[in-house]
Amino acid sequence: MRQYRGTLTVPGEDSPYRTRSVAENLDLFERMRAGEFPDGTHTLRAKIDMASGNLNMRDPVMFRILHASHHRTGDTWCVYPMYDYAHCVSDAIEGITHSICTLEFEDHRPCTTGSLSV
């Protein structure tokens, strides 16, 4: 991923996997969820903008594989959402419309309206 991300002055490039079909992506995600792949071999990324001035918005990782026991679900799951994705989903589920975001997360929320930075 790093080689395609680009730099602050050079836009990123599309990964060779970016144009996979929806069916292929769903199949891979189900296989990730079923535990078929080892940690770190696959991720689910959002298809956003590889030329964004904010490196965090260049096809960010949404889910990763992690074979670890969870205190509530045990070994049932081996794919986990990354913070940037889980945060907005849990806010939506809980009906949260505004949040206070500390400065270390400011670059991760450039397009979010209604959030405050402290």
PDB file of N, CA and C in Angstrom:
ATOM      1  N   MET A   1       0.825  -1.190   0.000  1.00  0.00           N
ATOM      2  CA  MET A   1       0.000   0.000   0.000  1.00  0.00           C
ATOM      3  C   MET A   1       0.864   1.246   0.000  1.00  0.00           C
ATOM      4  N   ARG A   2       1.952   1.192   0.727  1.00  0.00           N
ATOM      5  CA  ARG A   2       2.800   2.373   0.855  1.00  0.00           C
ATOM      6  C   ARG A   2       3.310   2.864  -0.503  1.00  0.00           C
ATOM      7  N   GLN A   3       3.682   1.956  -1.385  1.00  0.00           N
ATOM      8  CA  GLN A   3       4.232   2.375  -2.670  1.00  0.00           C
ATOM      9  C   GLN A   3       3.192   3.090  -3.538  1.00  0.00           C
ATOM     10  N   TYR A   4       1.917   2.827  -3.322  1.00  0.00           N
ATOM     11  CA  TYR A   4       0.865   3.473  -4.106  1.00  0.00           C
ATOM     12  C   TYR A   4       0.298   4.721  -3.434  1.00  0.00           C
ATOM     13  N   ARG A   5       0.585   4.935  -2.166  1.00  0.00           N
ATOM     14  CA  ARG A   5       0.000   6.042  -1.405  1.00  0.00           C
ATOM     15  C   ARG A   5       0.458   7.404  -1.911  1.00  0.00           C
ATOM     16  N   GLY A   6       1.669   7.511  -2.456  1.00  0.00           N
ATOM     17  CA  GLY A   6       2.197   8.800  -2.894  1.00  0.00           C
ATOM     18  C   GLY A   6       2.838   9.534  -1.730  1.00  0.00           C
ATOM     19  N   THR A   7       3.077  10.825  -1.924  1.00  0.00           N
ATOM     20  CA  THR A   7       3.687  11.652  -0.883  1.00  0.00           C
ATOM     21  C   THR A   7       2.876  12.931  -0.751  1.00  0.00           C
ATOM     22  N   LEU A   8       3.347  13.839   0.085  1.00  0.00           N
ATOM     23  CA  LEU A   8       2.649  15.110   0.247  1.00  0.00           C
ATOM     24  C   LEU A   8       2.647  15.932  -1.040  1.00  0.00           C
ATOM     25  N   THR A   9       3.632  15.703  -1.901  1.00  0.00           N
ATOM     26  CA  THR A   9       3.725  16.480  -3.145  1.00  0.00           C
ATOM     27  C   THR A   9       3.409  15.676  -4.402  1.00  0.00           C
ATOM     28  N   VAL A  10       3.338  14.351  -4.280  1.00  0.00           N
ATOM     29  CA  VAL A  10       3.068  13.483  -5.436  1.00  0.00           C
ATOM     30  C   VAL A  10       1.784  12.698  -5.181  1.00  0.00           C
ATOM     31  N   PRO A  11       0.805  12.785  -6.094  1.00  0.00           N
ATOM     32  CA  PRO A  11      -0.437  12.022  -5.916  1.00  0.00           C
ATOM     33  C   PRO A  11      -0.174  10.521  -5.879  1.00  0.00           C
ATOM     34  N   GLY A  12      -1.069   9.798  -5.224  1.00  0.00           N
ATOM     35  CA  GLY A  12      -0.956   8.350  -5.193  1.00  0.00           C
ATOM     36  C   GLY A  12      -1.375   7.738  -6.517  1.00  0.00           C
ATOM     37  N   GLU A  13      -1.099   6.462  -6.657  1.00  0.00           N
ATOM     38  CA  GLU A  13      -1.489   5.714  -7.857  1.00  0.00           C
ATOM     39  C   GLU A  13      -2.501   4.649  -7.458  1.00  0.00           C
ATOM     40  N   ASP A  14      -3.378   4.305  -8.389  1.00  0.00           N
ATOM     41  CA  ASP A  14      -4.345   3.243  -8.130  1.00  0.00           C
ATOM     42  C   ASP A  14      -3.632   1.909  -7.962  1.00  0.00           C
ATOM     43  N   SER A  15      -4.032   1.171  -6.947  1.00  0.00           N
ATOM     44  CA  SER A  15      -3.521  -0.176  -6.731  1.00  0.00           C
ATOM     45  C   SER A  15      -4.008  -1.061  -7.884  1.00  0.00           C
ATOM     46  N   PRO A  16      -3.254  -2.098  -8.240  1.00  0.00           N
ATOM     47  CA  PRO A  16      -3.729  -3.011  -9.283  1.00  0.00           C
ATOM     48  C   PRO A  16      -5.002  -3.752  -8.869  1.00  0.00           C
ATOM     49  N   TYR A  17      -5.347  -3.719  -7.570  1.00  0.00           N
ATOM     50  CA  TYR A  17      -6.531  -4.408  -7.074  1.00  0.00           C
ATOM     51  C   TYR A  17      -7.745  -3.486  -6.969  1.00  0.00           C
ATOM     52  N   ARG A  18      -7.572  -2.218  -7.278  1.00  0.00           N
ATOM     53  CA  ARG A  18      -8.633  -1.220  -7.072  1.00  0.00           C
ATOM     54  C   ARG A  18      -9.847  -1.451  -7.974  1.00  0.00           C
ATOM     55  N   THR A  19      -9.650  -2.062  -9.110  1.00  0.00           N
ATOM     56  CA  THR A  19     -10.740  -2.231 -10.068  1.00  0.00           C
ATOM     57  C   THR A  19     -11.390  -3.614 -10.020  1.00  0.00           C
ATOM     58  N   ARG A  20     -11.164  -4.344  -8.929  1.00  0.00           N
ATOM     59  CA  ARG A  20     -11.832  -5.639  -8.788  1.00  0.00           C
ATOM     60  C   ARG A  20     -13.342  -5.445  -8.814  1.00  0.00           C
ATOM     61  N   SER A  21     -14.043  -6.476  -9.245  1.00  0.00           N
ATOM     62  CA  SER A  21     -15.502  -6.404  -9.292  1.00  0.00           C
ATOM     63  C   SER A  21     -16.075  -6.478  -7.877  1.00  0.00           C
ATOM     64  N   VAL A  22     -17.317  -6.033  -7.737  1.00  0.00           N
ATOM     65  CA  VAL A  22     -18.004  -6.118  -6.453  1.00  0.00           C
ATOM     66  C   VAL A  22     -18.071  -7.575  -6.000  1.00  0.00           C
ATOM     67  N   ALA A  23     -18.401  -8.472  -6.919  1.00  0.00           N
ATOM     68  CA  ALA A  23     -18.508  -9.897  -6.578  1.00  0.00           C
ATOM     69  C   ALA A  23     -17.182 -10.441  -6.043  1.00  0.00           C
ATOM     70  N   GLU A  24     -16.078 -10.083  -6.680  1.00  0.00           N
ATOM     71  CA  GLU A  24     -14.769 -10.557  -6.225  1.00  0.00           C
ATOM     72  C   GLU A  24     -14.433  -9.980  -4.850  1.00  0.00           C
ATOM     73  N   ASN A  25     -14.731  -8.700  -4.647  1.00  0.00           N
ATOM     74  CA  ASN A  25     -14.472  -8.078  -3.342  1.00  0.00           C
ATOM     75  C   ASN A  25     -15.306  -8.716  -2.236  1.00  0.00           C
ATOM     76  N   LEU A  26     -16.580  -8.983  -2.520  1.00  0.00           N
ATOM     77  CA  LEU A  26     -17.432  -9.635  -1.517  1.00  0.00           C
ATOM     78  C   LEU A  26     -16.923 -11.033  -1.179  1.00  0.00           C
ATOM     79  N   ASP A  27     -16.497 -11.767  -2.208  1.00  0.00           N
ATOM     80  CA  ASP A  27     -15.947 -13.098  -1.987  1.00  0.00           C
ATOM     81  C   ASP A  27     -14.702 -13.032  -1.105  1.00  0.00           C
ATOM     82  N   LEU A  28     -13.805 -12.105  -1.404  1.00  0.00           N
ATOM     83  CA  LEU A  28     -12.583 -11.966  -0.607  1.00  0.00           C
ATOM     84  C   LEU A  28     -12.898 -11.563   0.834  1.00  0.00           C
ATOM     85  N   PHE A  29     -13.866 -10.664   1.011  1.00  0.00           N
ATOM     86  CA  PHE A  29     -14.209 -10.238   2.360  1.00  0.00           C
ATOM     87  C   PHE A  29     -14.816 -11.394   3.163  1.00  0.00           C
ATOM     88  N   GLU A  30     -15.672 -12.186   2.539  1.00  0.00           N
ATOM     89  CA  GLU A  30     -16.239 -13.356   3.226  1.00  0.00           C
ATOM     90  C   GLU A  30     -15.137 -14.340   3.612  1.00  0.00           C
ATOM     91  N   ARG A  31     -14.170 -14.507   2.743  1.00  0.00           N
ATOM     92  CA  ARG A  31     -13.051 -15.401   3.038  1.00  0.00           C
ATOM     93  C   ARG A  31     -12.161 -14.829   4.142  1.00  0.00           C
ATOM     94  N   MET A  32     -11.995 -13.507   4.159  1.00  0.00           N
ATOM     95  CA  MET A  32     -11.274 -12.857   5.260  1.00  0.00           C
ATOM     96  C   MET A  32     -11.998 -13.133   6.575  1.00  0.00           C
ATOM     97  N   ARG A  33     -13.313 -12.927   6.554  1.00  0.00           N
ATOM     98  CA  ARG A  33     -14.134 -13.100   7.753  1.00  0.00           C
ATOM     99  C   ARG A  33     -14.140 -14.555   8.239  1.00  0.00           C
ATOM    100  N   ALA A  34     -14.027 -15.482   7.305  1.00  0.00           N
ATOM    101  CA  ALA A  34     -14.024 -16.906   7.642  1.00  0.00           C
ATOM    102  C   ALA A  34     -12.672 -17.373   8.183  1.00  0.00           C
ATOM    103  N   GLY A  35     -11.673 -16.496   8.164  1.00  0.00           N
ATOM    104  CA  GLY A  35     -10.365 -16.850   8.714  1.00  0.00           C
ATOM    105  C   GLY A  35      -9.438 -17.546   7.756  1.00  0.00           C
ATOM    106  N   GLU A  36      -9.717 -17.438   6.458  1.00  0.00           N
ATOM    107  CA  GLU A  36      -8.911 -18.142   5.461  1.00  0.00           C
ATOM    108  C   GLU A  36      -7.504 -17.556   5.304  1.00  0.00           C
ATOM    109  N   PHE A  37      -7.315 -16.284   5.618  1.00  0.00           N
ATOM    110  CA  PHE A  37      -6.036 -15.614   5.371  1.00  0.00           C
ATOM    111  C   PHE A  37      -5.343 -15.250   6.685  1.00  0.00           C
ATOM    112  N   PRO A  38      -4.008 -15.265   6.694  1.00  0.00           N
ATOM    113  CA  PRO A  38      -3.286 -14.855   7.904  1.00  0.00           C
ATOM    114  C   PRO A  38      -3.314 -13.337   8.102  1.00  0.00           C
ATOM    115  N   ASP A  39      -3.002 -12.917   9.321  1.00  0.00           N
ATOM    116  CA  ASP A  39      -2.942 -11.490   9.654  1.00  0.00           C
ATOM    117  C   ASP A  39      -2.072 -10.728   8.649  1.00  0.00           C
ATOM    118  N   GLY A  40      -2.540  -9.553   8.279  1.00  0.00           N
ATOM    119  CA  GLY A  40      -1.742  -8.659   7.444  1.00  0.00           C
ATOM    120  C   GLY A  40      -1.712  -8.957   5.957  1.00  0.00           C
ATOM    121  N   THR A  41      -2.399  -9.992   5.503  1.00  0.00           N
ATOM    122  CA  THR A  41      -2.312 -10.335   4.079  1.00  0.00           C
ATOM    123  C   THR A  41      -3.368  -9.647   3.223  1.00  0.00           C
ATOM    124  N   HIS A  42      -4.494  -9.256   3.830  1.00  0.00           N
ATOM    125  CA  HIS A  42      -5.562  -8.587   3.094  1.00  0.00           C
ATOM    126  C   HIS A  42      -6.177  -7.502   3.963  1.00  0.00           C
ATOM    127  N   THR A  43      -6.683  -6.469   3.323  1.00  0.00           N
ATOM    128  CA  THR A  43      -7.455  -5.432   4.002  1.00  0.00           C
ATOM    129  C   THR A  43      -8.624  -5.056   3.103  1.00  0.00           C
ATOM    130  N   LEU A  44      -9.623  -4.437   3.687  1.00  0.00           N
ATOM    131  CA  LEU A  44     -10.714  -3.856   2.906  1.00  0.00           C
ATOM    132  C   LEU A  44     -10.506  -2.352   2.954  1.00  0.00           C
ATOM    133  N   ARG A  45     -10.378  -1.742   1.793  1.00  0.00           N
ATOM    134  CA  ARG A  45     -10.105  -0.309   1.728  1.00  0.00           C
ATOM    135  C   ARG A  45     -11.260   0.421   1.064  1.00  0.00           C
ATOM    136  N   ALA A  46     -11.449   1.669   1.457  1.00  0.00           N
ATOM    137  CA  ALA A  46     -12.444   2.525   0.815  1.00  0.00           C
ATOM    138  C   ALA A  46     -11.846   3.049  -0.482  1.00  0.00           C
ATOM    139  N   LYS A  47     -12.642   3.086  -1.517  1.00  0.00           N
ATOM    140  CA  LYS A  47     -12.178   3.620  -2.793  1.00  0.00           C
ATOM    141  C   LYS A  47     -12.527   5.112  -2.813  1.00  0.00           C
ATOM    142  N   ILE A  48     -11.540   5.959  -2.511  1.00  0.00           N
ATOM    143  CA  ILE A  48     -11.824   7.390  -2.402  1.00  0.00           C
ATOM    144  C   ILE A  48     -11.058   8.160  -3.467  1.00  0.00           C
ATOM    145  N   ASP A  49      -9.950   8.802  -3.107  1.00  0.00           N
ATOM    146  CA  ASP A  49      -9.264   9.703  -4.030  1.00  0.00           C
ATOM    147  C   ASP A  49      -7.761   9.607  -3.816  1.00  0.00           C
ATOM    148  N   MET A  50      -7.077   8.957  -4.719  1.00  0.00           N
ATOM    149  CA  MET A  50      -5.631   8.780  -4.582  1.00  0.00           C
ATOM    150  C   MET A  50      -4.854  10.069  -4.840  1.00  0.00           C
ATOM    151  N   ALA A  51      -5.529  11.136  -5.225  1.00  0.00           N
ATOM    152  CA  ALA A  51      -4.854  12.422  -5.427  1.00  0.00           C
ATOM    153  C   ALA A  51      -5.187  13.417  -4.315  1.00  0.00           C
ATOM    154  N   SER A  52      -5.910  12.978  -3.296  1.00  0.00           N
ATOM    155  CA  SER A  52      -6.277  13.877  -2.197  1.00  0.00           C
ATOM    156  C   SER A  52      -5.036  14.466  -1.555  1.00  0.00           C
ATOM    157  N   GLY A  53      -5.111  15.730  -1.195  1.00  0.00           N
ATOM    158  CA  GLY A  53      -4.010  16.375  -0.489  1.00  0.00           C
ATOM    159  C   GLY A  53      -3.815  15.817   0.907  1.00  0.00           C
ATOM    160  N   ASN A  54      -4.836  15.142   1.447  1.00  0.00           N
ATOM    161  CA  ASN A  54      -4.754  14.511   2.757  1.00  0.00           C
ATOM    162  C   ASN A  54      -4.447  13.028   2.554  1.00  0.00           C
ATOM    163  N   LEU A  55      -3.262  12.599   2.934  1.00  0.00           N
ATOM    164  CA  LEU A  55      -2.857  11.205   2.726  1.00  0.00           C
ATOM    165  C   LEU A  55      -3.805  10.222   3.397  1.00  0.00           C
ATOM    166  N   ASN A  56      -4.457  10.637   4.485  1.00  0.00           N
ATOM    167  CA  ASN A  56      -5.404   9.753   5.176  1.00  0.00           C
ATOM    168  C   ASN A  56      -6.620   9.424   4.321  1.00  0.00           C
ATOM    169  N   MET A  57      -6.894  10.224   3.309  1.00  0.00           N
ATOM    170  CA  MET A  57      -8.069  10.015   2.471  1.00  0.00           C
ATOM    171  C   MET A  57      -7.742   9.247   1.188  1.00  0.00           C
ATOM    172  N   ARG A  58      -6.528   8.786   1.055  1.00  0.00           N
ATOM    173  CA  ARG A  58      -6.133   8.019  -0.134  1.00  0.00           C
ATOM    174  C   ARG A  58      -6.408   6.538   0.110  1.00  0.00           C
ATOM    175  N   ASP A  59      -7.608   6.119  -0.250  1.00  0.00           N
ATOM    176  CA  ASP A  59      -8.066   4.737  -0.098  1.00  0.00           C
ATOM    177  C   ASP A  59      -7.716   4.165   1.284  1.00  0.00           C
ATOM    178  N   PRO A  60      -8.303   4.731   2.329  1.00  0.00           N
ATOM    179  CA  PRO A  60      -7.974   4.275   3.688  1.00  0.00           C
ATOM    180  C   PRO A  60      -8.465   2.858   3.972  1.00  0.00           C
ATOM    181  N   VAL A  61      -7.766   2.189   4.862  1.00  0.00           N
ATOM    182  CA  VAL A  61      -8.136   0.835   5.278  1.00  0.00           C
ATOM    183  C   VAL A  61      -9.355   0.928   6.187  1.00  0.00           C
ATOM    184  N   MET A  62     -10.366   0.101   5.903  1.00  0.00           N
ATOM    185  CA  MET A  62     -11.571   0.065   6.724  1.00  0.00           C
ATOM    186  C   MET A  62     -11.597  -1.165   7.632  1.00  0.00           C
ATOM    187  N   PHE A  63     -11.155  -2.310   7.127  1.00  0.00           N
ATOM    188  CA  PHE A  63     -11.104  -3.549   7.915  1.00  0.00           C
ATOM    189  C   PHE A  63      -9.754  -4.221   7.726  1.00  0.00           C
ATOM    190  N   ARG A  64      -9.286  -4.877   8.777  1.00  0.00           N
ATOM    191  CA  ARG A  64      -8.050  -5.646   8.713  1.00  0.00           C
ATOM    192  C   ARG A  64      -8.275  -7.010   9.342  1.00  0.00           C
ATOM    193  N   ILE A  65      -7.410  -7.938   9.002  1.00  0.00           N
ATOM    194  CA  ILE A  65      -7.465  -9.279   9.570  1.00  0.00           C
ATOM    195  C   ILE A  65      -6.640  -9.292  10.855  1.00  0.00           C
ATOM    196  N   LEU A  66      -7.234  -9.828  11.915  1.00  0.00           N
ATOM    197  CA  LEU A  66      -6.517  -9.973  13.182  1.00  0.00           C
ATOM    198  C   LEU A  66      -7.053 -11.213  13.887  1.00  0.00           C
ATOM    199  N   HIS A  67      -6.250 -12.250  13.923  1.00  0.00           N
ATOM    200  CA  HIS A  67      -6.632 -13.483  14.612  1.00  0.00           C
ATOM    201  C   HIS A  67      -6.274 -13.331  16.087  1.00  0.00           C
ATOM    202  N   ALA A  68      -7.235 -12.861  16.865  1.00  0.00           N
ATOM    203  CA  ALA A  68      -7.027 -12.659  18.301  1.00  0.00           C
ATOM    204  C   ALA A  68      -8.361 -12.873  19.010  1.00  0.00           C
ATOM    205  N   SER A  69      -8.290 -13.384  20.194  1.00  0.00           N
ATOM    206  CA  SER A  69      -9.524 -13.580  20.963  1.00  0.00           C
ATOM    207  C   SER A  69     -10.036 -12.235  21.452  1.00  0.00           C
ATOM    208  N   HIS A  70     -11.339 -12.050  21.352  1.00  0.00           N
ATOM    209  CA  HIS A  70     -11.997 -10.832  21.809  1.00  0.00           C
ATOM    210  C   HIS A  70     -12.699 -11.143  23.123  1.00  0.00           C
ATOM    211  N   HIS A  71     -12.734 -10.189  24.037  1.00  0.00           N
ATOM    212  CA  HIS A  71     -13.303 -10.452  25.358  1.00  0.00           C
ATOM    213  C   HIS A  71     -14.802 -10.744  25.326  1.00  0.00           C
ATOM    214  N   ARG A  72     -15.484 -10.371  24.263  1.00  0.00           N
ATOM    215  CA  ARG A  72     -16.924 -10.654  24.174  1.00  0.00           C
ATOM    216  C   ARG A  72     -17.261 -11.745  23.168  1.00  0.00           C
ATOM    217  N   THR A  73     -16.559 -11.779  22.044  1.00  0.00           N
ATOM    218  CA  THR A  73     -16.923 -12.711  20.974  1.00  0.00           C
ATOM    219  C   THR A  73     -15.968 -13.892  20.844  1.00  0.00           C
ATOM    220  N   GLY A  74     -14.944 -13.938  21.683  1.00  0.00           N
ATOM    221  CA  GLY A  74     -13.995 -15.050  21.617  1.00  0.00           C
ATOM    222  C   GLY A  74     -13.235 -15.052  20.301  1.00  0.00           C
ATOM    223  N   ASP A  75     -13.271 -16.190  19.605  1.00  0.00           N
ATOM    224  CA  ASP A  75     -12.570 -16.332  18.327  1.00  0.00           C
ATOM    225  C   ASP A  75     -13.525 -16.299  17.134  1.00  0.00           C
ATOM    226  N   THR A  76     -14.749 -15.801  17.351  1.00  0.00           N
ATOM    227  CA  THR A  76     -15.756 -15.774  16.296  1.00  0.00           C
ATOM    228  C   THR A  76     -15.336 -14.901  15.115  1.00  0.00           C
ATOM    229  N   TRP A  77     -14.729 -13.769  15.401  1.00  0.00           N
ATOM    230  CA  TRP A  77     -14.354 -12.813  14.356  1.00  0.00           C
ATOM    231  C   TRP A  77     -12.847 -12.761  14.185  1.00  0.00           C
ATOM    232  N   CYS A  78     -12.413 -12.547  12.955  1.00  0.00           N
ATOM    233  CA  CYS A  78     -10.992 -12.298  12.714  1.00  0.00           C
ATOM    234  C   CYS A  78     -10.800 -11.108  11.772  1.00  0.00           C
ATOM    235  N   VAL A  79     -11.879 -10.370  11.501  1.00  0.00           N
ATOM    236  CA  VAL A  79     -11.747  -9.089  10.797  1.00  0.00           C
ATOM    237  C   VAL A  79     -12.285  -8.009  11.726  1.00  0.00           C
ATOM    238  N   TYR A  80     -11.543  -6.935  11.807  1.00  0.00           N
ATOM    239  CA  TYR A  80     -11.918  -5.848  12.709  1.00  0.00           C
ATOM    240  C   TYR A  80     -11.842  -4.516  11.972  1.00  0.00           C
ATOM    241  N   PRO A  81     -12.776  -3.611  12.273  1.00  0.00           N
ATOM    242  CA  PRO A  81     -12.739  -2.292  11.620  1.00  0.00           C
ATOM    243  C   PRO A  81     -11.632  -1.427  12.207  1.00  0.00           C
ATOM    244  N   MET A  82     -11.060  -0.607  11.376  1.00  0.00           N
ATOM    245  CA  MET A  82     -10.081   0.369  11.828  1.00  0.00           C
ATOM    246  C   MET A  82     -10.826   1.502  12.525  1.00  0.00           C
ATOM    247  N   TYR A  83     -10.149   2.224  13.387  1.00  0.00           N
ATOM    248  CA  TYR A  83     -10.788   3.259  14.199  1.00  0.00           C
ATOM    249  C   TYR A  83     -11.555   4.275  13.358  1.00  0.00           C
ATOM    250  N   ASP A  84     -10.932   4.792  12.303  1.00  0.00           N
ATOM    251  CA  ASP A  84     -11.575   5.847  11.511  1.00  0.00           C
ATOM    252  C   ASP A  84     -12.907   5.395  10.926  1.00  0.00           C
ATOM    253  N   TYR A  85     -13.028   4.129  10.602  1.00  0.00           N
ATOM    254  CA  TYR A  85     -14.272   3.604  10.058  1.00  0.00           C
ATOM    255  C   TYR A  85     -15.251   3.249  11.181  1.00  0.00           C
ATOM    256  N   ALA A  86     -14.767   2.579  12.212  1.00  0.00           N
ATOM    257  CA  ALA A  86     -15.635   2.153  13.307  1.00  0.00           C
ATOM    258  C   ALA A  86     -16.245   3.346  14.040  1.00  0.00           C
ATOM    259  N   HIS A  87     -15.493   4.417  14.162  1.00  0.00           N
ATOM    260  CA  HIS A  87     -15.958   5.592  14.898  1.00  0.00           C
ATOM    261  C   HIS A  87     -17.223   6.172  14.272  1.00  0.00           C
ATOM    262  N   CYS A  88     -17.227   6.381  12.970  1.00  0.00           N
ATOM    263  CA  CYS A  88     -18.399   6.981  12.330  1.00  0.00           C
ATOM    264  C   CYS A  88     -19.580   6.016  12.287  1.00  0.00           C
ATOM    265  N   VAL A  89     -19.322   4.729  12.132  1.00  0.00           N
ATOM    266  CA  VAL A  89     -20.408   3.746  12.116  1.00  0.00           C
ATOM    267  C   VAL A  89     -21.065   3.665  13.491  1.00  0.00           C
ATOM    268  N   SER A  90     -20.260   3.594  14.546  1.00  0.00           N
ATOM    269  CA  SER A  90     -20.848   3.514  15.890  1.00  0.00           C
ATOM    270  C   SER A  90     -21.591   4.801  16.233  1.00  0.00           C
ATOM    271  N   ASP A  91     -21.078   5.962  15.798  1.00  0.00           N
ATOM    272  CA  ASP A  91     -21.807   7.220  16.018  1.00  0.00           C
ATOM    273  C   ASP A  91     -23.167   7.180  15.323  1.00  0.00           C
ATOM    274  N   ALA A  92     -23.201   6.673  14.092  1.00  0.00           N
ATOM    275  CA  ALA A  92     -24.461   6.608  13.351  1.00  0.00           C
ATOM    276  C   ALA A  92     -25.449   5.661  14.036  1.00  0.00           C
ATOM    277  N   ILE A  93     -24.978   4.510  14.490  1.00  0.00           N
ATOM    278  CA  ILE A  93     -25.842   3.548  15.176  1.00  0.00           C
ATOM    279  C   ILE A  93     -26.413   4.146  16.457  1.00  0.00           C
ATOM    280  N   GLU A  94     -25.584   4.910  17.155  1.00  0.00           N
ATOM    281  CA  GLU A  94     -26.002   5.488  18.435  1.00  0.00           C
ATOM    282  C   GLU A  94     -26.732   6.820  18.282  1.00  0.00           C
ATOM    283  N   GLY A  95     -26.875   7.309  17.036  1.00  0.00           N
ATOM    284  CA  GLY A  95     -27.594   8.564  16.799  1.00  0.00           C
ATOM    285  C   GLY A  95     -26.807   9.802  17.182  1.00  0.00           C
ATOM    286  N   ILE A  96     -25.495   9.700  17.239  1.00  0.00           N
ATOM    287  CA  ILE A  96     -24.649  10.842  17.593  1.00  0.00           C
ATOM    288  C   ILE A  96     -24.464  11.713  16.352  1.00  0.00           C
ATOM    289  N   THR A  97     -24.794  12.981  16.471  1.00  0.00           N
ATOM    290  CA  THR A  97     -24.692  13.887  15.329  1.00  0.00           C
ATOM    291  C   THR A  97     -23.503  14.831  15.421  1.00  0.00           C
ATOM    292  N   HIS A  98     -22.969  15.033  16.620  1.00  0.00           N
ATOM    293  CA  HIS A  98     -21.823  15.915  16.811  1.00  0.00           C
ATOM    294  C   HIS A  98     -20.852  15.253  17.783  1.00  0.00           C
ATOM    295  N   SER A  99     -19.567  15.468  17.551  1.00  0.00           N
ATOM    296  CA  SER A  99     -18.583  14.927  18.485  1.00  0.00           C
ATOM    297  C   SER A  99     -17.434  15.915  18.640  1.00  0.00           C
ATOM    298  N   ILE A 100     -16.771  15.817  19.757  1.00  0.00           N
ATOM    299  CA  ILE A 100     -15.592  16.643  19.987  1.00  0.00           C
ATOM    300  C   ILE A 100     -14.396  15.792  19.613  1.00  0.00           C
ATOM    301  N   CYS A 101     -13.591  16.298  18.714  1.00  0.00           N
ATOM    302  CA  CYS A 101     -12.458  15.547  18.193  1.00  0.00           C
ATOM    303  C   CYS A 101     -11.176  16.254  18.612  1.00  0.00           C
ATOM    304  N   THR A 102     -10.310  15.555  19.331  1.00  0.00           N
ATOM    305  CA  THR A 102      -9.067  16.167  19.761  1.00  0.00           C
ATOM    306  C   THR A 102      -8.118  16.324  18.576  1.00  0.00           C
ATOM    307  N   LEU A 103      -7.121  17.147  18.722  1.00  0.00           N
ATOM    308  CA  LEU A 103      -6.265  17.536  17.605  1.00  0.00           C
ATOM    309  C   LEU A 103      -5.558  16.376  16.909  1.00  0.00           C
ATOM    310  N   GLU A 104      -5.240  15.289  17.635  1.00  0.00           N
ATOM    311  CA  GLU A 104      -4.527  14.196  16.970  1.00  0.00           C
ATOM    312  C   GLU A 104      -5.365  13.521  15.892  1.00  0.00           C
ATOM    313  N   PHE A 105      -6.684  13.719  15.911  1.00  0.00           N
ATOM    314  CA  PHE A 105      -7.554  13.131  14.892  1.00  0.00           C
ATOM    315  C   PHE A 105      -8.035  14.144  13.854  1.00  0.00           C
ATOM    316  N   GLU A 106      -7.622  15.387  13.976  1.00  0.00           N
ATOM    317  CA  GLU A 106      -8.116  16.442  13.096  1.00  0.00           C
ATOM    318  C   GLU A 106      -7.897  16.126  11.614  1.00  0.00           C
ATOM    319  N   ASP A 107      -6.726  15.610  11.252  1.00  0.00           N
ATOM    320  CA  ASP A 107      -6.439  15.298   9.847  1.00  0.00           C
ATOM    321  C   ASP A 107      -7.259  14.135   9.319  1.00  0.00           C
ATOM    322  N   HIS A 108      -7.844  13.348  10.199  1.00  0.00           N
ATOM    323  CA  HIS A 108      -8.636  12.186   9.788  1.00  0.00           C
ATOM    324  C   HIS A 108     -10.086  12.551   9.508  1.00  0.00           C
ATOM    325  N   ARG A 109     -10.476  13.801   9.757  1.00  0.00           N
ATOM    326  CA  ARG A 109     -11.872  14.185   9.620  1.00  0.00           C
ATOM    327  C   ARG A 109     -12.039  15.466   8.792  1.00  0.00           C
ATOM    328  N   PRO A 110     -11.403  15.583   7.639  1.00  0.00           N
ATOM    329  CA  PRO A 110     -11.456  16.854   6.918  1.00  0.00           C
ATOM    330  C   PRO A 110     -12.830  17.180   6.326  1.00  0.00           C
ATOM    331  N   CYS A 111     -13.636  16.178   6.076  1.00  0.00           N
ATOM    332  CA  CYS A 111     -14.910  16.424   5.401  1.00  0.00           C
ATOM    333  C   CYS A 111     -16.093  16.303   6.334  1.00  0.00           C
ATOM    334  N   THR A 112     -15.861  16.069   7.616  1.00  0.00           N
ATOM    335  CA  THR A 112     -16.946  15.869   8.558  1.00  0.00           C
ATOM    336  C   THR A 112     -17.500  17.206   9.002  1.00  0.00           C
ATOM    337  N   THR A 113     -18.808  17.381   8.899  1.00  0.00           N
ATOM    338  CA  THR A 113     -19.415  18.594   9.398  1.00  0.00           C
ATOM    339  C   THR A 113     -19.991  18.314  10.768  1.00  0.00           C
ATOM    340  N   GLY A 114     -20.068  19.324  11.570  1.00  0.00           N
ATOM    341  CA  GLY A 114     -20.655  19.176  12.887  1.00  0.00           C
ATOM    342  C   GLY A 114     -19.704  18.710  13.954  1.00  0.00           C
ATOM    343  N   SER A 115     -18.429  18.490  13.625  1.00  0.00           N
ATOM    344  CA  SER A 115     -17.484  18.073  14.665  1.00  0.00           C
ATOM    345  C   SER A 115     -16.669  19.264  15.116  1.00  0.00           C
ATOM    346  N   LEU A 116     -16.272  19.246  16.352  1.00  0.00           N
ATOM    347  CA  LEU A 116     -15.460  20.303  16.922  1.00  0.00           C
ATOM    348  C   LEU A 116     -14.063  19.781  17.188  1.00  0.00           C
ATOM    349  N   SER A 117     -13.064  20.578  16.939  1.00  0.00           N
ATOM    350  CA  SER A 117     -11.709  20.185  17.283  1.00  0.00           C
ATOM    351  C   SER A 117     -11.301  20.925  18.538  1.00  0.00           C
ATOM    352  N   VAL A 118     -10.691  20.221  19.472  1.00  0.00           N
ATOM    353  CA  VAL A 118     -10.280  20.817  20.744  1.00  0.00           C
ATOM    354  C   VAL A 118      -8.777  21.003  20.732  1.00  0.00           C
TER     355      VAL A 118
END
